[in-house]
Amino acid sequence: METLFWSSVLLVGYIYIFYPVILYIMAKKPLVIRREPDYQPTVSILIAAFNEERDIVATLENKIAQNYPKDKFELLVVSDESTDGTDDLVNDFAERSPVPVCLLRQKPRAGKTAGLNKLVPEASGDIIVFSDANSLWDENTLNNLCRNFSDSKVGYVTGKMIYVAEDGSTIGDGCSSYMKYENWLRESETAIGSIVGVDGGIDAMRKSIHAKLNDDQLPDFVQPLKVVEKGYRVIYEPEAILKEHSLTDSSAEYRMRVRVSIRAIWALWDMKKLFNPFSYGIFSWQLLSHKLLRYLAFLPLLTALFSNFLIMPDSWFYTLTFLIQVLFYCAAYLDFKGWLAGPDLLRMPHYFCLLNIASAEAFWRFLKGEKKVLWKPREG
């Protein structure tokens, strides 16, 4: 039982600590990205929307305010059979917009991936950029994304997401810390080749290598993997900034995480060929460590807790390690109930547990063959 306990502890340590440390060491000798600051290809910004009348106009205004030549980009919106005023708002905006705005209505409703599949053939830009219907970018985002494509080896670029919590909610704080950790990993992964995770609200890729996806596939996960499969790099651009409000309560965040995790696990299954290190080298190790093991981290976490409980009577040391685990999960519960206040670091257990419980539920649903295609705005 001690062997099971220590094996579980080491595996959790590898996922969250040792893998990042190894990346940090490898990133000391970064691969070069040949960026040309003045490189400005034609761009098509793609937005999938479903009942987004609250945010769509602000999002469109944010895009036309980009510090990028107005004659070099266009906006394409696919409405997934919206039932509110989204379509009318987009059409009204198109009449006064200084850049071309095109609305395509998808009927019957088929989901984000199907909508993007329909939009891409309508895009005229050499670079296609993906935005969520509530994503607000820094004014230099397009320039900072596109300059990377002056390097012929770069096929896909993602920016930096910053979560903004209007009410300082717990999920906002925990989510912000989690994104800081993820963004640090992406910087290190970019330095050694390609990253294995992107933000769907601020992504860009070469239109020439875009692959049509199945309706149930997660576009901001599968599409980058297909880019790597084709021999291009997927990189992180920290100066391309996306500000997005975090979900304001645990239940909404949890539902969203379950939905995304189900689709991500299916994506790993669909793209399992990338786990072959003889064909994809270091990236296979990254995909295993950063994604697959991360989604399955709930397993060693559970075995570490229960095996520790069984060996606890053997020594004071195992009693101490068990109490540390119990205190960690108690902190998560107290924060979930809103009874814990303090620095961001002290509130991380809540978000950590939320992610892993969501992954556990998603994995169970994956085993049952369940898939997610449709979505709701700001909901899970």
Protein backbone atom coordinates (compact mmCIF):
# COMPACT_ATOMS: atom_id res chain seq x y z
CA MET A 1 0.00 0.00 0.00
CA GLU A 2 2.93 2.32 0.64
CA THR A 3 4.10 1.67 -2.92
CA LEU A 4 0.68 2.72 -4.24
CA PHE A 5 0.74 5.86 -2.10
CA TRP A 6 4.19 6.98 -3.22
CA SER A 7 3.54 6.07 -6.85
CA SER A 8 0.42 8.24 -6.76
CA VAL A 9 2.22 11.13 -5.08
CA LEU A 10 5.06 10.99 -7.60
CA LEU A 11 2.65 10.92 -10.53
CA VAL A 12 0.74 13.96 -9.23
CA GLY A 13 4.07 15.66 -8.63
CA TYR A 14 5.17 14.88 -12.16
CA ILE A 15 1.99 16.29 -13.70
CA TYR A 16 1.98 19.59 -11.84
CA ILE A 17 5.62 20.17 -10.82
CA PHE A 18 8.24 17.95 -12.48
CA TYR A 19 6.91 18.33 -16.03
CA PRO A 20 6.99 22.15 -15.79
CA VAL A 21 10.49 22.02 -14.28
CA ILE A 22 11.75 19.83 -17.12
CA LEU A 23 10.16 22.23 -19.62
CA TYR A 24 11.83 25.18 -17.92
CA ILE A 25 15.23 23.54 -18.24
CA MET A 26 14.68 22.59 -21.89
CA ALA A 27 13.47 26.11 -22.71
CA LYS A 28 16.85 27.55 -21.74
CA LYS A 29 17.85 27.03 -25.39
CA PRO A 30 14.74 28.26 -27.24
CA LEU A 31 13.96 27.67 -30.89
CA VAL A 32 13.92 30.90 -32.89
CA ILE A 33 10.70 32.42 -34.27
CA ARG A 34 11.44 34.82 -37.13
CA ARG A 35 8.95 37.60 -36.44
CA GLU A 36 8.57 40.60 -38.74
CA PRO A 37 6.69 43.39 -36.91
CA ASP A 38 5.44 44.94 -40.17
CA TYR A 39 4.11 41.68 -41.63
CA GLN A 40 0.40 42.29 -42.25
CA PRO A 41 -1.32 39.59 -44.32
CA THR A 42 -5.03 39.67 -45.16
CA VAL A 43 -7.15 38.43 -42.25
CA SER A 44 -10.62 36.97 -41.77
CA ILE A 45 -11.97 37.10 -38.20
CA LEU A 46 -14.44 34.26 -37.56
CA ILE A 47 -17.05 34.42 -34.80
CA ALA A 48 -19.56 31.69 -33.89
CA ALA A 49 -22.59 32.99 -31.99
CA PHE A 50 -25.72 31.60 -30.39
CA ASN A 51 -28.07 34.06 -28.67
CA GLU A 52 -25.33 36.62 -28.04
CA GLU A 53 -27.35 39.84 -28.28
CA ARG A 54 -25.86 41.01 -24.98
CA ASP A 55 -22.24 40.91 -26.19
CA ILE A 56 -22.10 40.70 -29.99
CA VAL A 57 -22.08 44.44 -30.78
CA ALA A 58 -19.34 45.17 -28.25
CA THR A 59 -17.32 42.30 -29.72
CA LEU A 60 -17.71 43.56 -33.28
CA GLU A 61 -16.82 47.11 -32.27
CA ASN A 62 -13.77 45.77 -30.48
CA LYS A 63 -12.63 44.03 -33.67
CA ILE A 64 -12.97 47.03 -35.99
CA ALA A 65 -11.01 49.08 -33.45
CA GLN A 66 -7.95 46.92 -34.11
CA ASN A 67 -4.79 48.81 -35.01
CA TYR A 68 -4.63 47.00 -38.36
CA PRO A 69 -5.26 48.25 -41.93
CA LYS A 70 -9.02 48.32 -42.47
CA ASP A 71 -8.64 47.12 -46.06
CA LYS A 72 -6.83 43.99 -44.89
CA PHE A 73 -9.40 42.33 -42.66
CA GLU A 74 -13.04 41.27 -42.58
CA LEU A 75 -15.52 39.92 -40.02
CA LEU A 76 -17.56 36.76 -40.59
CA VAL A 77 -20.23 35.71 -38.09
CA VAL A 78 -22.11 32.43 -38.06
CA SER A 79 -25.34 32.46 -36.08
CA ASP A 80 -26.20 28.98 -34.87
CA GLU A 81 -29.96 29.46 -35.35
CA SER A 82 -30.05 32.21 -32.73
CA THR A 83 -33.52 32.93 -31.38
CA ASP A 84 -32.85 36.38 -29.92
CA GLY A 85 -31.78 39.61 -31.65
CA THR A 86 -28.24 38.49 -32.54
CA ASP A 87 -28.83 38.30 -36.31
CA ASP A 88 -30.49 41.73 -36.55
CA LEU A 89 -27.74 43.34 -34.49
CA VAL A 90 -25.03 41.90 -36.75
CA ASN A 91 -26.86 43.01 -39.90
CA ASP A 92 -27.38 46.52 -38.51
CA PHE A 93 -23.72 46.70 -37.55
CA ALA A 94 -22.66 45.59 -41.05
CA GLU A 95 -24.41 48.59 -42.60
CA ARG A 96 -22.24 51.07 -40.70
CA SER A 97 -19.02 49.10 -40.38
CA PRO A 98 -15.81 50.43 -42.02
CA VAL A 99 -14.75 46.82 -42.71
CA PRO A 100 -16.76 44.07 -44.43
CA VAL A 101 -19.08 42.17 -42.09
CA CYS A 102 -20.86 39.02 -43.27
CA LEU A 103 -23.54 37.07 -41.41
CA LEU A 104 -24.21 33.42 -42.16
CA ARG A 105 -27.16 31.74 -40.43
CA GLN A 106 -26.80 28.05 -39.63
CA LYS A 107 -30.11 26.19 -39.60
CA PRO A 108 -30.87 23.80 -38.05
CA ARG A 109 -28.63 24.37 -35.07
CA ALA A 110 -25.51 22.24 -35.33
CA GLY A 111 -22.90 23.69 -32.97
CA LYS A 112 -19.78 25.82 -33.11
CA THR A 113 -17.58 23.43 -35.06
CA ALA A 114 -20.15 22.97 -37.83
CA GLY A 115 -20.57 26.74 -38.00
CA LEU A 116 -16.85 27.36 -38.37
CA ASN A 117 -16.68 24.68 -41.06
CA LYS A 118 -19.22 26.73 -43.01
CA LEU A 119 -17.46 30.05 -42.42
CA VAL A 120 -13.94 29.10 -43.49
CA PRO A 121 -14.75 28.61 -47.22
CA GLU A 122 -16.30 32.11 -47.20
CA ALA A 123 -13.16 33.69 -45.76
CA SER A 124 -10.93 35.64 -48.14
CA GLY A 125 -8.00 36.22 -45.78
CA ASP A 126 -4.72 34.36 -45.86
CA ILE A 127 -4.96 34.14 -42.06
CA ILE A 128 -8.13 33.14 -40.24
CA VAL A 129 -8.54 34.34 -36.68
CA PHE A 130 -11.03 32.83 -34.24
CA SER A 131 -12.89 34.90 -31.67
CA ASP A 132 -15.64 34.03 -29.24
CA ALA A 133 -18.77 36.19 -29.34
CA ASN A 134 -17.82 37.77 -26.00
CA SER A 135 -14.06 38.11 -26.53
CA LEU A 136 -12.51 41.57 -26.21
CA TRP A 137 -8.99 42.02 -27.57
CA ASP A 138 -6.25 44.53 -26.96
CA GLU A 139 -6.07 46.94 -29.93
CA ASN A 140 -2.76 45.48 -31.17
CA THR A 141 -3.85 41.84 -31.03
CA LEU A 142 -4.09 41.30 -34.81
CA ASN A 143 -0.64 42.77 -35.39
CA ASN A 144 0.88 40.71 -32.60
CA LEU A 145 -0.73 37.49 -33.81
CA CYS A 146 0.04 37.97 -37.50
CA ARG A 147 3.69 38.97 -37.18
CA ASN A 148 4.47 35.36 -36.23
CA PHE A 149 3.31 34.07 -39.63
CA SER A 150 6.28 35.72 -41.29
CA ASP A 151 8.03 32.54 -40.07
CA SER A 152 7.08 29.86 -42.59
CA LYS A 153 7.29 27.15 -39.92
CA VAL A 154 4.51 28.70 -37.83
CA GLY A 155 1.04 27.44 -38.64
CA TYR A 156 -1.04 28.40 -35.60
CA VAL A 157 -0.76 31.16 -32.98
CA THR A 158 -2.71 31.62 -29.76
CA GLY A 159 -2.75 34.67 -27.52
CA LYS A 160 -2.91 35.35 -23.81
CA MET A 161 -6.24 35.15 -22.01
CA ILE A 162 -6.74 37.28 -18.93
CA TYR A 163 -9.84 36.53 -16.86
CA VAL A 164 -11.62 39.54 -15.42
CA ALA A 165 -13.99 39.01 -12.50
CA GLU A 166 -16.36 41.95 -11.97
CA ASP A 167 -17.27 40.87 -8.44
CA GLY A 168 -13.96 39.31 -7.38
CA SER A 169 -15.59 35.91 -7.16
CA THR A 170 -13.65 32.86 -6.03
CA ILE A 171 -13.72 31.25 -9.46
CA GLY A 172 -12.41 34.44 -10.97
CA ASP A 173 -9.45 34.44 -8.59
CA GLY A 174 -8.69 30.74 -8.90
CA CYS A 175 -9.18 30.78 -12.63
CA SER A 176 -6.80 33.72 -12.95
CA SER A 177 -4.05 31.87 -11.08
CA TYR A 178 -4.64 28.77 -13.16
CA MET A 179 -4.31 30.78 -16.38
CA LYS A 180 -1.05 32.33 -15.17
CA TYR A 181 0.28 28.80 -14.65
CA GLU A 182 -0.98 27.66 -18.07
CA ASN A 183 0.47 30.69 -19.84
CA TRP A 184 3.85 30.07 -18.24
CA LEU A 185 3.73 26.49 -19.53
CA ARG A 186 2.86 27.75 -23.00
CA GLU A 187 5.85 30.07 -23.06
CA SER A 188 8.12 27.15 -22.20
CA GLU A 189 6.47 24.82 -24.73
CA THR A 190 6.78 27.45 -27.45
CA ALA A 191 10.48 27.66 -26.73
CA ILE A 192 10.98 23.94 -27.44
CA GLY A 193 8.59 23.61 -30.40
CA SER A 194 4.81 23.67 -30.11
CA ILE A 195 2.22 24.15 -27.39
CA VAL A 196 -0.50 21.59 -26.67
CA GLY A 197 -3.29 23.90 -25.50
CA VAL A 198 -4.78 27.11 -26.92
CA ASP A 199 -7.51 29.65 -26.12
CA GLY A 200 -10.38 29.50 -28.60
CA GLY A 201 -11.18 33.20 -28.22
CA ILE A 202 -7.85 34.45 -29.56
CA ASP A 203 -6.38 32.02 -32.11
CA ALA A 204 -5.01 32.48 -35.62
CA MET A 205 -3.93 30.02 -38.31
CA ARG A 206 -3.04 29.82 -41.97
CA LYS A 207 -6.21 29.29 -43.97
CA SER A 208 -4.30 27.03 -46.36
CA ILE A 209 -3.83 24.36 -43.67
CA HIS A 210 -7.26 24.55 -42.05
CA ALA A 211 -8.88 21.11 -41.74
CA LYS A 212 -12.61 20.51 -41.77
CA LEU A 213 -13.55 18.87 -38.46
CA ASN A 214 -16.35 16.58 -37.35
CA ASP A 215 -19.21 18.45 -35.66
CA ASP A 216 -18.44 16.84 -32.29
CA GLN A 217 -14.74 17.78 -32.30
CA LEU A 218 -13.43 20.68 -30.21
CA PRO A 219 -12.00 23.14 -32.78
CA ASP A 220 -9.58 24.93 -30.46
CA PHE A 221 -8.05 21.60 -29.48
CA VAL A 222 -8.23 19.37 -32.55
CA GLN A 223 -7.34 22.06 -35.10
CA PRO A 224 -3.93 22.86 -33.48
CA LEU A 225 -3.18 19.13 -33.24
CA LYS A 226 -3.84 18.77 -36.95
CA VAL A 227 -1.48 21.68 -37.60
CA VAL A 228 1.26 19.85 -35.69
CA GLU A 229 0.39 16.69 -37.62
CA LYS A 230 1.11 18.63 -40.84
CA GLY A 231 4.56 19.64 -39.61
CA TYR A 232 3.92 23.25 -38.56
CA ARG A 233 4.50 24.86 -35.18
CA VAL A 234 1.73 25.94 -32.81
CA ILE A 235 2.98 28.81 -30.66
CA TYR A 236 2.00 31.20 -27.88
CA GLU A 237 2.09 34.98 -28.37
CA PRO A 238 1.94 36.68 -24.93
CA GLU A 239 1.52 40.17 -26.40
CA ALA A 240 -1.79 39.28 -28.07
CA ILE A 241 -4.19 39.95 -25.20
CA LEU A 242 -7.75 38.72 -24.68
CA LYS A 243 -9.78 39.95 -21.71
CA GLU A 244 -12.75 37.81 -20.79
CA HIS A 245 -15.02 37.82 -17.77
CA SER A 246 -14.82 34.63 -15.76
CA LEU A 247 -17.99 32.74 -14.95
CA THR A 248 -19.45 34.11 -11.74
CA ASP A 249 -20.33 30.93 -9.88
CA SER A 250 -18.93 27.47 -9.36
CA SER A 251 -21.82 25.59 -10.96
CA ALA A 252 -21.54 27.49 -14.26
CA GLU A 253 -17.76 27.06 -14.32
CA TYR A 254 -18.13 23.37 -13.49
CA ARG A 255 -20.62 22.71 -16.29
CA MET A 256 -18.38 24.49 -18.77
CA ARG A 257 -15.33 22.50 -17.64
CA VAL A 258 -17.18 19.19 -17.95
CA ARG A 259 -18.35 20.07 -21.45
CA VAL A 260 -14.90 21.17 -22.60
CA SER A 261 -13.20 18.20 -20.94
CA ILE A 262 -15.47 15.66 -22.65
CA ARG A 263 -14.66 17.13 -26.05
CA ALA A 264 -10.95 17.37 -25.22
CA ILE A 265 -10.77 13.72 -24.17
CA TRP A 266 -12.51 12.71 -27.39
CA ALA A 267 -10.01 14.89 -29.27
CA LEU A 268 -7.11 13.03 -27.67
CA TRP A 269 -8.75 9.77 -28.71
CA ASP A 270 -9.30 10.99 -32.29
CA MET A 271 -5.71 12.23 -32.56
CA LYS A 272 -4.07 9.36 -30.67
CA LYS A 273 -1.52 8.91 -33.46
CA LEU A 274 0.25 11.98 -32.04
CA PHE A 275 1.23 9.93 -28.99
CA ASN A 276 3.74 8.04 -31.16
CA PRO A 277 7.15 9.47 -30.17
CA PHE A 278 8.84 7.89 -33.19
CA SER A 279 6.74 10.08 -35.48
CA TYR A 280 6.17 13.20 -33.38
CA GLY A 281 9.10 13.23 -30.97
CA ILE A 282 9.00 15.62 -28.01
CA PHE A 283 5.46 16.73 -28.83
CA SER A 284 4.18 13.23 -27.99
CA TRP A 285 5.70 13.55 -24.53
CA GLN A 286 4.17 17.02 -24.13
CA LEU A 287 0.72 15.80 -25.17
CA LEU A 288 0.93 12.90 -22.73
CA SER A 289 2.20 15.01 -19.83
CA HIS A 290 0.29 18.25 -20.27
CA LYS A 291 -3.04 16.89 -21.49
CA LEU A 292 -3.74 13.18 -21.07
CA LEU A 293 -2.20 12.83 -17.62
CA ARG A 294 -3.72 16.16 -16.56
CA TYR A 295 -7.22 14.97 -17.47
CA LEU A 296 -6.59 11.72 -15.59
CA ALA A 297 -4.97 13.34 -12.55
CA PHE A 298 -8.07 12.62 -10.46
CA LEU A 299 -7.04 8.95 -10.39
CA PRO A 300 -3.68 9.34 -8.59
CA LEU A 301 -5.22 12.05 -6.40
CA LEU A 302 -7.87 9.59 -5.21
CA THR A 303 -5.45 6.71 -4.74
CA ALA A 304 -3.04 8.97 -2.83
CA LEU A 305 -5.82 9.91 -0.42
CA PHE A 306 -7.26 6.45 0.20
CA SER A 307 -3.95 4.57 0.30
CA ASN A 308 -2.68 7.19 2.76
CA PHE A 309 -5.75 6.58 4.94
CA LEU A 310 -5.01 2.84 5.02
CA ILE A 311 -1.35 3.24 6.01
CA MET A 312 -1.94 6.16 8.38
CA PRO A 313 -1.82 4.03 11.56
CA ASP A 314 1.70 2.84 10.66
CA SER A 315 3.53 6.07 11.53
CA TRP A 316 3.22 9.72 12.52
CA PHE A 317 4.59 10.69 9.12
CA TYR A 318 1.69 9.12 7.21
CA THR A 319 -0.72 10.68 9.69
CA LEU A 320 0.80 14.06 8.84
CA THR A 321 0.58 13.49 5.06
CA PHE A 322 -3.05 12.44 5.42
CA LEU A 323 -3.89 15.54 7.46
CA ILE A 324 -2.23 17.74 4.83
CA GLN A 325 -4.45 16.23 2.15
CA VAL A 326 -7.57 16.59 4.30
CA LEU A 327 -6.76 20.23 5.05
CA PHE A 328 -6.29 20.90 1.33
CA TYR A 329 -9.71 19.49 0.47
CA CYS A 330 -11.30 21.23 3.46
CA ALA A 331 -9.92 24.54 2.17
CA ALA A 332 -11.49 23.79 -1.21
CA TYR A 333 -14.87 23.09 0.42
CA LEU A 334 -14.73 26.20 2.62
CA ASP A 335 -13.98 28.36 -0.41
CA PHE A 336 -16.77 26.65 -2.36
CA LYS A 337 -19.17 27.62 0.43
CA GLY A 338 -17.81 31.17 0.46
CA TRP A 339 -16.41 30.84 3.96
CA LEU A 340 -12.74 31.34 3.06
CA ALA A 341 -11.10 34.67 2.33
CA GLY A 342 -7.48 35.51 1.77
CA PRO A 343 -4.72 35.67 -0.84
CA ASP A 344 -5.27 34.10 -4.25
CA LEU A 345 -2.87 31.26 -3.44
CA LEU A 346 -4.99 30.15 -0.46
CA ARG A 347 -8.06 29.96 -2.68
CA MET A 348 -6.49 27.78 -5.36
CA PRO A 349 -7.59 24.43 -3.81
CA HIS A 350 -11.20 25.19 -4.80
CA TYR A 351 -10.40 25.68 -8.47
CA PHE A 352 -7.95 22.78 -8.48
CA CYS A 353 -10.62 20.44 -7.13
CA LEU A 354 -13.26 21.84 -9.48
CA LEU A 355 -11.05 21.05 -12.49
CA ASN A 356 -10.28 17.53 -11.36
CA ILE A 357 -13.86 16.63 -10.40
CA ALA A 358 -15.01 17.98 -13.77
CA SER A 359 -12.36 15.84 -15.49
CA ALA A 360 -13.54 12.77 -13.56
CA GLU A 361 -17.14 13.30 -14.65
CA ALA A 362 -16.05 14.00 -18.22
CA PHE A 363 -13.98 10.82 -18.33
CA TRP A 364 -16.94 8.78 -17.05
CA ARG A 365 -19.14 10.28 -19.75
CA PHE A 366 -16.44 9.55 -22.32
CA LEU A 367 -16.43 5.89 -21.26
CA LYS A 368 -20.21 5.85 -21.78
CA GLY A 369 -19.75 7.25 -25.29
CA GLU A 370 -21.33 10.63 -24.61
CA LYS A 371 -20.41 13.57 -26.85
CA LYS A 372 -21.11 17.32 -26.65
CA VAL A 373 -21.85 19.41 -29.75
CA LEU A 374 -24.10 22.35 -28.82
CA TRP A 375 -23.37 25.18 -26.40
CA LYS A 376 -25.03 28.10 -24.66
CA PRO A 377 -23.52 31.57 -24.17
CA ARG A 378 -21.71 31.97 -20.83
CA GLU A 379 -23.06 28.66 -19.65
CA GLY A 380 -21.77 25.11 -19.35
